[in-house]
C-alpha cells in the first residue's frame, strides 16, 4: 500500500480541482472505483479468481479501511463472479471514499443549495500533493517506453478502460496516443487481452476484473469507437 488507494486516485483524477465536480459519467466512475478495490485486493494477494468466482485467499487486513471492509464482505458472502462484485460494490462507494478524503484533508466538502431546496455537495481540492503524485506517475508511464511498476500499470489500465484520457488533460491526437500507450501498458502487465490462469494467480484475477469492468462500461456508455 502507498497510503493512497487506487480507487481514491481514480476519484481525484475524475473530479475537477476547482469546481469539485465529477468530469466524467458517474456510473463509469462508480464502476471503476469498485473494480479498483478488487484489483488492489488481488495485487495484495488477498483475493483471487477460482472456479468462476472471486474468493478470499488471505483474510489478513491490508490496513486500509475501505479495502478491509470489502475483504471482510467477500469473505462473509457467498461466491460471486468478478462482474457481480463490480456491480455490488459500486453503490455508495463514491460517498464513502469522498468522506475519507475529506477527513484526511485532501478535498473539502462544500454544501450548496440549488433551486432553494436541493442540497448538493462539491469537493474542491484542499491538498493537491496526493493527486500531483498520481498524475506524475501516469505522466512518466506515458512518456517512458518501459513497463511501470505493477500498481501504476493497474492504475493505467483502469484509466484506459474508463476512457479517462480527458481527465489527464489530453484531447485529439494526444488523447489517442495516450490511449494507445495505456493499452500497451495494460497488455504488457498482463492485465488485459488474453487471460491465462496458467501464468499466475494475480494477473488473471486482475485481468478478469478489468474485463468485467470493460463490459459494464460498454453497457453503460455504449461501445467505444
Protein backbone atom coordinates (compact mmCIF):
# COMPACT_ATOMS: atom_id res chain seq x y z
CA UNK A 1 0.00 0.00 0.00
CA UNK A 2 1.19 3.52 -0.79
CA UNK A 3 -1.18 5.22 1.65
CA UNK A 4 -3.49 6.19 -1.21
CA UNK A 5 -5.85 3.56 -2.62
CA UNK A 6 -6.28 3.07 -6.37
CA UNK A 7 -9.98 3.95 -6.04
CA UNK A 8 -9.02 7.24 -4.37
CA UNK A 9 -6.57 8.03 -7.15
CA UNK A 10 -9.26 7.43 -9.76
CA UNK A 11 -11.71 9.70 -7.96
CA UNK A 12 -9.17 12.51 -7.62
CA UNK A 13 -8.36 12.29 -11.32
CA UNK A 14 -12.06 12.35 -12.19
CA UNK A 15 -13.01 15.42 -10.09
CA UNK A 16 -12.21 18.96 -11.16
CA UNK A 17 -9.83 20.52 -8.63
CA UNK A 18 -11.62 23.89 -8.57
CA UNK A 19 -15.31 23.11 -9.11
CA UNK A 20 -15.16 19.91 -7.08
CA UNK A 21 -17.47 18.16 -9.53
CA UNK A 22 -17.04 14.93 -11.49
CA UNK A 23 -15.79 15.43 -15.05
CA UNK A 24 -16.86 12.00 -16.29
CA UNK A 25 -20.06 9.93 -16.16
CA UNK A 26 -20.68 8.97 -12.57
CA UNK A 27 -21.83 5.47 -13.46
CA UNK A 28 -18.48 4.65 -15.05
CA UNK A 29 -16.58 6.26 -12.17
CA UNK A 30 -18.54 4.21 -9.64
CA UNK A 31 -17.89 1.02 -11.61
CA UNK A 32 -14.22 1.94 -11.91
CA UNK A 33 -13.75 2.53 -8.21
CA UNK A 34 -15.42 -0.79 -7.39
CA UNK A 35 -13.08 -2.54 -9.81
CA UNK A 36 -10.12 -0.63 -8.35
CA UNK A 37 -10.85 -2.00 -4.88
CA UNK A 38 -10.96 -5.55 -6.24
CA UNK A 39 -7.78 -5.00 -8.26
CA UNK A 40 -5.95 -3.70 -5.21
CA UNK A 41 -7.03 -6.67 -3.10
CA UNK A 42 -5.83 -9.02 -5.85
CA UNK A 43 -2.48 -7.24 -6.06
CA UNK A 44 -2.16 -7.54 -2.29
CA UNK A 45 -2.71 -11.29 -2.51
CA UNK A 46 -5.97 -11.20 -0.57
CA UNK A 47 -8.39 -12.39 -3.27
CA UNK A 48 -8.05 -14.49 -6.40
CA UNK A 49 -10.14 -15.93 -9.19
CA UNK A 50 -11.11 -19.56 -8.63
CA UNK A 51 -13.78 -21.74 -10.24
CA UNK A 52 -15.56 -18.81 -11.86
CA UNK A 53 -15.66 -16.58 -8.78
CA UNK A 54 -13.52 -14.25 -6.70
CA UNK A 55 -12.52 -15.85 -3.42
CA UNK A 56 -10.55 -14.70 -0.38
CA UNK A 57 -7.14 -16.37 -0.23
CA UNK A 58 -5.82 -14.42 2.75
CA UNK A 59 -8.22 -12.67 5.18
CA UNK A 60 -5.45 -10.62 6.82
CA UNK A 61 -6.41 -6.90 6.74
CA UNK A 62 -4.26 -4.71 4.49
CA UNK A 63 -4.59 -1.68 6.76
CA UNK A 64 -6.81 0.45 4.53
CA UNK A 65 -10.38 0.75 5.90
CA UNK A 66 -12.35 0.53 2.65
CA UNK A 67 -10.26 -2.35 1.31
CA UNK A 68 -10.55 -4.21 4.60
CA UNK A 69 -14.32 -3.71 4.67
CA UNK A 70 -14.65 -5.16 1.18
CA UNK A 71 -12.28 -8.02 2.03
CA UNK A 72 -14.43 -8.94 5.04
CA UNK A 73 -17.58 -8.67 2.93
CA UNK A 74 -16.25 -11.01 0.26
CA UNK A 75 -15.13 -13.49 2.92
CA UNK A 76 -18.56 -13.50 4.58
CA UNK A 77 -20.65 -13.64 1.40
CA UNK A 78 -21.46 -16.48 -0.96
CA UNK A 79 -19.16 -16.74 -4.02
CA UNK A 80 -19.75 -14.24 -6.84
CA UNK A 81 -18.19 -13.58 -10.24
CA UNK A 82 -15.92 -10.56 -10.88
CA UNK A 83 -18.78 -8.93 -12.81
CA UNK A 84 -21.18 -9.43 -9.92
CA UNK A 85 -18.76 -7.94 -7.40
CA UNK A 86 -18.10 -4.88 -9.57
CA UNK A 87 -21.84 -4.19 -9.61
CA UNK A 88 -22.37 -5.00 -5.94
CA UNK A 89 -19.60 -2.74 -4.69
CA UNK A 90 -20.29 0.35 -6.78
CA UNK A 91 -23.27 1.53 -4.76
CA UNK A 92 -22.40 4.25 -2.20
CA UNK A 93 -18.68 3.60 -2.63
CA UNK A 94 -18.04 7.09 -4.03
CA UNK A 95 -19.60 8.76 -0.98
CA UNK A 96 -17.52 6.55 1.30
CA UNK A 97 -14.29 7.44 -0.48
CA UNK A 98 -15.14 11.15 -0.63
CA UNK A 99 -15.83 11.09 3.11
CA UNK A 100 -12.42 9.59 3.80
CA UNK A 101 -10.68 12.14 1.57
CA UNK A 102 -12.50 14.97 3.36
CA UNK A 103 -11.50 13.56 6.76
CA UNK A 104 -7.86 13.42 5.67
CA UNK A 105 -7.91 16.99 4.34
CA UNK A 106 -7.37 16.05 0.70
CA UNK A 107 -10.64 17.62 -0.54
CA UNK A 108 -13.21 19.96 1.02
CA UNK A 109 -16.92 19.25 1.34
CA UNK A 110 -18.80 22.34 0.12
CA UNK A 111 -22.57 22.11 0.56
CA UNK A 112 -24.76 24.33 -1.61
CA UNK A 113 -28.47 24.76 -2.28
CA UNK A 114 -29.94 24.78 -5.78
CA UNK A 115 -33.49 25.89 -6.62
CA UNK A 116 -33.88 26.86 -2.94
CA UNK A 117 -34.35 23.29 -1.74
CA UNK A 118 -31.94 20.88 -3.47
CA UNK A 119 -28.79 20.30 -1.41
CA UNK A 120 -25.71 19.44 -3.45
CA UNK A 121 -22.10 18.83 -2.47
CA UNK A 122 -18.91 19.82 -4.25
CA UNK A 123 -15.44 18.56 -3.38
CA UNK A 124 -12.76 21.06 -4.45
CA UNK A 125 -9.12 20.22 -3.82
CA UNK A 126 -7.63 21.09 -0.44
CA UNK A 127 -4.26 19.31 -0.64
CA UNK A 128 -3.06 18.87 -4.23
CA UNK A 129 0.02 16.80 -3.34
CA UNK A 130 -1.81 13.46 -3.49
CA UNK A 131 -3.22 13.99 -6.98
CA UNK A 132 0.02 15.56 -8.19
CA UNK A 133 1.90 12.38 -7.29
CA UNK A 134 -0.68 10.27 -9.11
CA UNK A 135 -0.51 12.43 -12.24
CA UNK A 136 3.28 12.40 -12.14
CA UNK A 137 3.37 8.60 -12.09
CA UNK A 138 0.97 8.39 -15.02
CA UNK A 139 2.84 11.06 -16.98
CA UNK A 140 6.11 9.18 -16.52
CA UNK A 141 4.45 5.91 -17.56
CA UNK A 142 3.06 7.55 -20.71
CA UNK A 143 6.38 9.14 -21.63
CA UNK A 144 8.58 6.15 -20.83
CA UNK A 145 8.70 3.19 -23.17
CA UNK A 146 9.30 0.85 -20.22
CA UNK A 147 6.67 -1.00 -18.23
CA UNK A 148 5.93 0.86 -14.97
CA UNK A 149 5.60 -0.76 -11.56
CA UNK A 150 2.68 -3.13 -11.11
CA UNK A 151 0.48 -0.70 -9.20
CA UNK A 152 0.96 2.13 -11.70
CA UNK A 153 0.25 -0.34 -14.50
CA UNK A 154 -3.01 -1.25 -12.78
CA UNK A 155 -3.94 2.42 -12.49
CA UNK A 156 -3.10 2.99 -16.17
CA UNK A 157 -5.27 0.02 -17.11
CA UNK A 158 -8.23 1.38 -15.15
CA UNK A 159 -7.79 4.83 -16.72
CA UNK A 160 -7.79 3.27 -20.19
CA UNK A 161 -10.91 1.16 -19.63
CA UNK A 162 -12.75 4.11 -18.07
CA UNK A 163 -11.89 6.36 -21.05
CA UNK A 164 -10.29 8.93 -18.76
CA UNK A 165 -7.82 10.48 -21.21
CA UNK A 166 -9.63 13.87 -20.94
CA UNK A 167 -9.08 13.75 -17.16
CA UNK A 168 -5.37 13.74 -17.94
CA UNK A 169 -5.83 16.98 -19.87
CA UNK A 170 -5.47 15.28 -23.24
CA UNK A 171 -7.59 15.68 -26.36
CA UNK A 172 -7.36 14.87 -30.06
CA UNK A 173 -4.15 13.23 -31.23
CA UNK A 174 -2.57 13.40 -27.78
CA UNK A 175 -5.53 11.56 -26.26
CA UNK A 176 -5.40 8.90 -28.96
CA UNK A 177 -1.68 8.38 -28.38
CA UNK A 178 -2.23 8.22 -24.62
CA UNK A 179 -4.94 5.62 -25.13
CA UNK A 180 -2.56 3.51 -27.22
CA UNK A 181 0.17 3.74 -24.59
CA UNK A 182 -2.22 3.00 -21.70
CA UNK A 183 -3.48 -0.09 -23.51
CA UNK A 184 0.12 -1.10 -24.23
CA UNK A 185 0.93 -0.86 -20.52
CA UNK A 186 -2.16 -2.90 -19.64
CA UNK A 187 -1.21 -5.63 -22.07
CA UNK A 188 2.44 -5.62 -21.02
CA UNK A 189 1.48 -6.05 -17.38
CA UNK A 190 -0.85 -8.94 -18.22
CA UNK A 191 -3.92 -7.04 -17.06
CA UNK A 192 -5.80 -7.13 -20.38
CA UNK A 193 -6.08 -9.17 -23.54
CA UNK A 194 -5.83 -12.94 -23.26
CA UNK A 195 -6.11 -14.00 -19.63
CA UNK A 196 -4.31 -17.25 -18.79
CA UNK A 197 -4.72 -18.90 -15.41
CA UNK A 198 -1.57 -20.91 -16.17
CA UNK A 199 0.72 -17.88 -15.87
CA UNK A 200 -0.03 -16.75 -12.32
CA UNK A 201 -2.87 -16.06 -9.93
CA UNK A 202 -2.63 -12.30 -9.55
CA UNK A 203 -2.53 -11.22 -13.22
CA UNK A 204 -5.53 -13.33 -14.33
CA UNK A 205 -7.51 -12.21 -11.29
CA UNK A 206 -6.84 -8.57 -12.12
CA UNK A 207 -7.42 -9.20 -15.82
CA UNK A 208 -10.83 -10.77 -15.22
CA UNK A 209 -11.91 -7.86 -13.01
CA UNK A 210 -10.74 -5.47 -15.74
CA UNK A 211 -12.67 -7.45 -18.37
CA UNK A 212 -15.81 -7.29 -16.22
CA UNK A 213 -15.32 -3.52 -15.81
CA UNK A 214 -14.91 -3.05 -19.55
CA UNK A 215 -18.16 -4.90 -20.24
CA UNK A 216 -20.02 -2.86 -17.62
CA UNK A 217 -18.69 0.43 -19.00
CA UNK A 218 -19.65 -0.57 -22.55
CA UNK A 219 -23.16 -1.41 -21.34
CA UNK A 220 -23.46 1.92 -19.53
CA UNK A 221 -21.91 4.20 -22.16
CA UNK A 222 -22.00 2.20 -25.37
CA UNK A 223 -19.09 0.68 -27.24
CA UNK A 224 -16.07 2.89 -27.69
CA UNK A 225 -15.41 3.79 -31.32
